[in-house]
Amino acid sequence: MSGEPTVQAPIVVKLGGSCLDDLAGTWWDDLARHGEKQPLVLVHGWSKPLRKLSPRYSEPSALLRDRYGNQSRWTTPEVIDDIKTVSAELGEEVLARLERRGITAERLLGSAGLVSAGEGERWWWQGKQLVELDNLVGPITAVDPSPLKNLSPGHAHLVTPLARNAAGQEVNTDADRAAAAIAGSVGASDLILVTDVAHLLIDGRPVREITADAAAEFRDKGATGGMRKKLRAAGEALERGVERVVIGSAPVTDLLAARTGTVITRN
């Protein structure tokens, strides 16, 4: 019926674990203003909190590189437990910040029926040798949005991007790519990847807007580390129906208005 209110699609925001401590109160004020009008789905990283928990998470041996050159955290059942520990503490802080601003919020583990993962890579480089390792990581194969039960303005979900594989194991998965898959599953028009850098840089120059094809070309030829994963996530989000992806460190309003950050669009 024409008189029925239009339900707006959620905004999906990935909060980088390295930048959460640096987001000022005004940043959260701005996010809450968006949350008053649209449902919010926040996906958080945990890299910095995990390193604070124990020095061993900063050691080179904590990270693995597979035979294809992809980097991953070496994840054991103990690491999963530590991820849950730091995520619970982080979640309390984020939910409190939102609720002080009038946005009700709840935390959800991706492994609680939201995110499914496939079989992970088993061969990893250790030094100059490829060895077979049990590493509890896996690529995202599906997202079931039904656990996000209250997608409505004034309410937010904070997702910890763990997943569950076909064997029932809880596994680690990339937070940027999890956010991309979730954004596609809930019909989000925008995915915002909040990080500690203001723009994508190519040849030292900030990029304000780039197509998915050009971003993928740079990803495979010039991007490194976390930005390479973000560009992969951006491409996957656009393939899943998201209209645009914005990468940056500014308030959501400024990123959506393309006043700063890098906007990645379909070709």
Protein backbone atom coordinates (compact mmCIF):
# COMPACT_ATOMS: atom_id res chain seq x y z
CA MET A 1 0.00 0.00 0.00
CA SER A 2 1.28 3.48 -0.81
CA GLY A 3 0.67 4.71 2.74
CA GLU A 4 3.00 2.18 4.33
CA PRO A 5 6.39 3.51 5.44
CA THR A 6 9.42 2.47 3.41
CA VAL A 7 11.85 0.30 5.34
CA GLN A 8 15.37 1.46 4.59
CA ALA A 9 18.15 -1.04 3.96
CA PRO A 10 20.74 -1.36 6.72
CA ILE A 11 24.05 0.46 6.70
CA VAL A 12 26.89 -2.01 7.19
CA VAL A 13 30.03 -0.63 8.80
CA LYS A 14 33.21 -2.60 9.40
CA LEU A 15 35.15 -1.19 12.36
CA GLY A 16 38.85 -1.89 12.05
CA GLY A 17 40.39 -3.33 15.19
CA SER A 18 43.36 -1.00 14.77
CA CYS A 19 41.28 2.20 14.81
CA LEU A 20 38.56 1.64 17.43
CA ASP A 21 40.51 3.45 20.17
CA ASP A 22 40.91 6.48 17.90
CA LEU A 23 37.22 7.05 17.07
CA ALA A 24 36.18 10.19 18.94
CA GLY A 25 32.84 10.83 20.58
CA THR A 26 31.78 12.97 17.63
CA TRP A 27 32.32 9.96 15.34
CA TRP A 28 29.87 7.93 17.44
CA ASP A 29 27.43 10.86 17.56
CA ASP A 30 27.41 10.88 13.78
CA LEU A 31 26.93 7.11 13.55
CA ALA A 32 24.01 7.28 15.99
CA ARG A 33 22.28 9.90 13.83
CA HIS A 34 22.36 7.44 10.95
CA GLY A 35 21.16 4.68 13.26
CA GLU A 36 18.07 6.69 14.14
CA LYS A 37 16.98 6.48 10.49
CA GLN A 38 18.41 3.15 9.29
CA PRO A 39 19.25 -0.22 10.83
CA LEU A 40 22.93 -0.59 11.65
CA VAL A 41 25.04 -3.71 11.26
CA LEU A 42 28.56 -3.29 12.59
CA VAL A 43 31.29 -5.87 12.01
CA HIS A 44 34.41 -5.44 14.13
CA GLY A 45 38.02 -6.47 13.85
CA TRP A 46 40.19 -7.50 16.79
CA SER A 47 43.80 -7.20 15.69
CA LYS A 48 44.91 -4.47 18.11
CA PRO A 49 42.98 -5.80 21.16
CA LEU A 50 44.43 -9.26 20.55
CA ARG A 51 47.98 -7.88 20.43
CA LYS A 52 47.30 -6.04 23.70
CA LEU A 53 46.14 -9.28 25.31
CA SER A 54 49.44 -11.08 24.76
CA PRO A 55 52.81 -10.23 23.17
CA ARG A 56 52.75 -13.55 21.31
CA TYR A 57 50.14 -12.16 18.91
CA SER A 58 52.68 -9.63 17.66
CA GLU A 59 55.33 -12.24 16.89
CA PRO A 60 55.99 -13.15 13.24
CA SER A 61 55.08 -16.79 13.99
CA ALA A 62 51.50 -15.68 14.80
CA LEU A 63 50.89 -15.11 11.10
CA LEU A 64 51.02 -17.66 8.30
CA ARG A 65 51.25 -17.33 4.54
CA ASP A 66 49.72 -20.00 2.33
CA ARG A 67 51.11 -21.39 -0.92
CA TYR A 68 49.14 -18.74 -2.86
CA GLY A 69 50.61 -15.84 -0.88
CA ASN A 70 47.55 -15.13 1.27
CA GLN A 71 48.25 -14.17 4.88
CA SER A 72 46.26 -15.46 7.85
CA ARG A 73 46.49 -15.55 11.62
CA TRP A 74 47.52 -18.96 12.90
CA THR A 75 44.33 -19.91 14.72
CA THR A 76 44.05 -22.71 17.27
CA PRO A 77 41.19 -23.40 19.70
CA GLU A 78 43.08 -21.27 22.25
CA VAL A 79 43.23 -18.37 19.80
CA ILE A 80 39.47 -18.67 19.18
CA ASP A 81 38.96 -18.40 22.95
CA ASP A 82 41.18 -15.30 23.10
CA ILE A 83 39.31 -13.73 20.17
CA LYS A 84 36.06 -14.26 22.07
CA THR A 85 37.57 -12.74 25.21
CA VAL A 86 38.75 -9.52 23.58
CA SER A 87 35.61 -9.33 21.41
CA ALA A 88 33.34 -9.53 24.45
CA GLU A 89 35.21 -6.65 26.12
CA LEU A 90 35.23 -4.63 22.90
CA GLY A 91 31.53 -5.37 22.40
CA GLU A 92 30.59 -4.06 25.83
CA GLU A 93 32.31 -0.78 25.04
CA VAL A 94 30.75 -0.38 21.59
CA LEU A 95 27.25 -1.25 22.79
CA ALA A 96 27.59 1.20 25.68
CA ARG A 97 28.65 3.98 23.32
CA LEU A 98 25.61 3.38 21.12
CA GLU A 99 23.13 3.01 23.97
CA ARG A 100 24.29 6.30 25.53
CA ARG A 101 23.26 7.86 22.23
CA GLY A 102 19.82 6.29 22.13
CA ILE A 103 20.60 3.29 19.88
CA THR A 104 19.74 -0.11 21.33
CA ALA A 105 22.32 -2.71 20.42
CA GLU A 106 23.14 -6.39 20.67
CA ARG A 107 26.23 -8.47 19.96
CA LEU A 108 26.14 -11.57 17.77
CA LEU A 109 28.79 -14.18 17.05
CA GLY A 110 28.97 -14.91 13.34
CA SER A 111 29.40 -18.57 14.27
CA ALA A 112 25.93 -18.59 15.88
CA GLY A 113 24.19 -19.42 12.61
CA LEU A 114 25.05 -16.24 10.72
CA VAL A 115 28.26 -17.05 8.80
CA SER A 116 29.23 -20.40 7.28
CA ALA A 117 32.77 -21.24 6.18
CA GLY A 118 34.28 -23.72 3.79
CA GLU A 119 37.33 -25.91 4.17
CA GLY A 120 40.44 -23.91 4.92
CA GLU A 121 43.86 -24.13 3.35
CA ARG A 122 46.09 -26.74 5.02
CA TRP A 123 49.50 -25.97 3.48
CA TRP A 124 51.42 -23.03 4.90
CA TRP A 125 54.91 -21.65 4.67
CA GLN A 126 57.05 -21.89 7.77
CA GLY A 127 60.36 -20.31 6.93
CA LYS A 128 61.22 -21.71 3.51
CA GLN A 129 59.23 -24.92 3.86
CA LEU A 130 55.59 -25.74 3.08
CA VAL A 131 54.10 -27.71 5.95
CA GLU A 132 50.64 -29.11 6.63
CA LEU A 133 49.01 -27.38 9.59
CA ASP A 134 45.67 -27.43 11.35
CA ASN A 135 44.68 -23.79 11.11
CA LEU A 136 41.14 -22.88 12.16
CA VAL A 137 40.41 -20.45 9.37
CA GLY A 138 38.07 -20.79 6.43
CA PRO A 139 36.60 -18.87 3.50
CA ILE A 140 33.03 -17.61 3.85
CA THR A 141 30.60 -19.73 1.86
CA ALA A 142 27.23 -18.37 2.99
CA VAL A 143 25.47 -15.89 5.25
CA ASP A 144 22.05 -16.56 6.76
CA PRO A 145 20.73 -13.14 7.86
CA SER A 146 17.88 -14.61 9.95
CA PRO A 147 19.84 -14.28 13.26
CA LEU A 148 19.78 -10.51 12.65
CA LYS A 149 16.28 -10.46 14.07
CA ASN A 150 15.65 -6.77 14.59
CA LEU A 151 16.83 -4.88 11.52
CA SER A 152 15.05 -1.63 12.27
CA PRO A 153 15.96 2.03 12.81
CA GLY A 154 17.15 2.72 16.33
CA HIS A 155 18.76 -0.71 16.70
CA ALA A 156 22.23 -2.03 15.91
CA HIS A 157 23.84 -5.45 15.67
CA LEU A 158 27.55 -5.84 16.41
CA VAL A 159 28.92 -8.94 14.69
CA THR A 160 32.07 -10.78 15.75
CA PRO A 161 33.25 -12.34 12.46
CA LEU A 162 33.78 -15.92 13.47
CA ALA A 163 32.16 -18.62 11.33
CA ARG A 164 31.28 -22.29 11.53
CA ASN A 165 32.44 -24.87 8.99
CA ALA A 166 30.73 -28.04 7.76
CA ALA A 167 32.43 -30.06 10.51
CA GLY A 168 30.86 -27.81 13.13
CA GLN A 169 34.16 -26.17 14.08
CA GLU A 170 34.29 -22.51 15.00
CA VAL A 171 36.78 -20.80 12.69
CA ASN A 172 38.40 -17.43 12.17
CA THR A 173 37.53 -15.53 9.01
CA ASP A 174 38.54 -12.17 7.54
CA ALA A 175 36.47 -9.33 9.03
CA ASP A 176 36.43 -7.17 5.87
CA ARG A 177 35.21 -10.05 3.73
CA ALA A 178 32.70 -11.05 6.40
CA ALA A 179 31.32 -7.51 6.33
CA ALA A 180 31.07 -7.71 2.54
CA ALA A 181 29.16 -10.99 2.65
CA ILE A 182 26.82 -9.71 5.36
CA ALA A 183 26.19 -6.47 3.46
CA GLY A 184 25.13 -8.46 0.42
CA SER A 185 22.88 -10.74 2.45
CA VAL A 186 20.92 -7.90 4.08
CA GLY A 187 20.54 -5.82 0.90
CA ALA A 188 22.74 -2.93 2.05
CA SER A 189 23.32 -0.23 -0.53
CA ASP A 190 26.57 0.89 1.10
CA LEU A 191 29.44 -0.89 2.85
CA ILE A 192 31.77 1.35 4.84
CA LEU A 193 35.20 0.02 5.79
CA VAL A 194 36.47 2.24 8.61
CA THR A 195 40.20 1.96 9.01
CA ASP A 196 43.21 3.95 10.23
CA VAL A 197 44.07 5.39 6.80
CA ALA A 198 42.20 8.26 5.14
CA HIS A 199 42.30 6.99 1.54
CA LEU A 200 43.48 4.28 -0.79
CA LEU A 201 46.85 5.45 -2.07
CA ILE A 202 48.18 4.61 -5.53
CA ASP A 203 51.70 5.83 -6.34
CA GLY A 204 51.53 7.86 -3.13
CA ARG A 205 48.46 9.81 -4.19
CA PRO A 206 45.02 9.59 -2.56
CA VAL A 207 42.32 8.04 -4.74
CA ARG A 208 38.88 9.61 -4.32
CA GLU A 209 36.93 7.23 -6.59
CA ILE A 210 37.79 4.03 -8.45
CA THR A 211 35.90 1.31 -10.29
CA ALA A 212 35.83 -2.29 -9.12
CA ASP A 213 37.94 -3.42 -12.09
CA ALA A 214 40.62 -0.79 -11.51
CA ALA A 215 40.65 -1.57 -7.78
CA ALA A 216 41.07 -5.29 -8.51
CA GLU A 217 43.95 -4.57 -10.89
CA PHE A 218 45.74 -2.51 -8.25
CA ARG A 219 44.96 -5.13 -5.59
CA ASP A 220 46.73 -7.83 -7.59
CA LYS A 221 49.68 -5.71 -8.71
CA GLY A 222 50.40 -3.10 -6.06
CA ALA A 223 48.36 -3.41 -2.89
CA THR A 224 49.78 -5.06 0.21
CA GLY A 225 48.66 -6.22 3.63
CA GLY A 226 45.36 -5.01 4.99
CA MET A 227 44.51 -2.84 1.98
CA ARG A 228 44.76 -5.84 -0.32
CA LYS A 229 42.11 -7.62 1.78
CA LYS A 230 39.92 -4.53 1.83
CA LEU A 231 39.98 -4.26 -1.94
CA ARG A 232 39.11 -7.95 -2.25
CA ALA A 233 36.22 -7.43 0.18
CA ALA A 234 35.03 -4.40 -1.79
CA GLY A 235 34.89 -6.40 -5.01
CA GLU A 236 32.98 -9.20 -3.31
CA ALA A 237 30.47 -6.75 -1.81
CA LEU A 238 29.78 -5.16 -5.21
CA GLU A 239 29.34 -8.61 -6.76
CA ARG A 240 26.76 -9.37 -4.05
CA GLY A 241 24.64 -6.34 -4.97
CA VAL A 242 26.06 -3.58 -2.77
CA GLU A 243 26.06 -0.35 -4.77
CA ARG A 244 29.27 1.15 -3.46
CA VAL A 245 32.02 0.60 -0.91
CA VAL A 246 33.76 3.43 0.92
CA ILE A 247 37.14 3.10 2.64
CA GLY A 248 38.36 5.76 5.06
CA SER A 249 38.81 7.01 8.60
CA ALA A 250 36.24 9.83 8.77
CA PRO A 251 32.68 10.01 10.17
CA VAL A 252 30.10 8.01 8.23
CA THR A 253 28.35 11.15 6.94
CA ASP A 254 31.55 12.45 5.34
CA LEU A 255 32.37 9.05 3.84
CA LEU A 256 28.89 8.61 2.36
CA ALA A 257 29.00 12.13 0.93
CA ALA A 258 32.41 11.33 -0.64
CA ARG A 259 33.94 14.37 1.04
CA THR A 260 36.84 12.15 2.04
CA GLY A 261 37.86 8.52 1.75
CA THR A 262 37.86 6.33 -1.35
CA VAL A 263 34.63 5.32 -3.07
CA ILE A 264 34.66 2.05 -5.03
CA THR A 265 31.83 1.62 -7.52
CA ARG A 266 30.65 -0.99 -9.96
CA ASN A 267 32.17 -0.85 -13.42
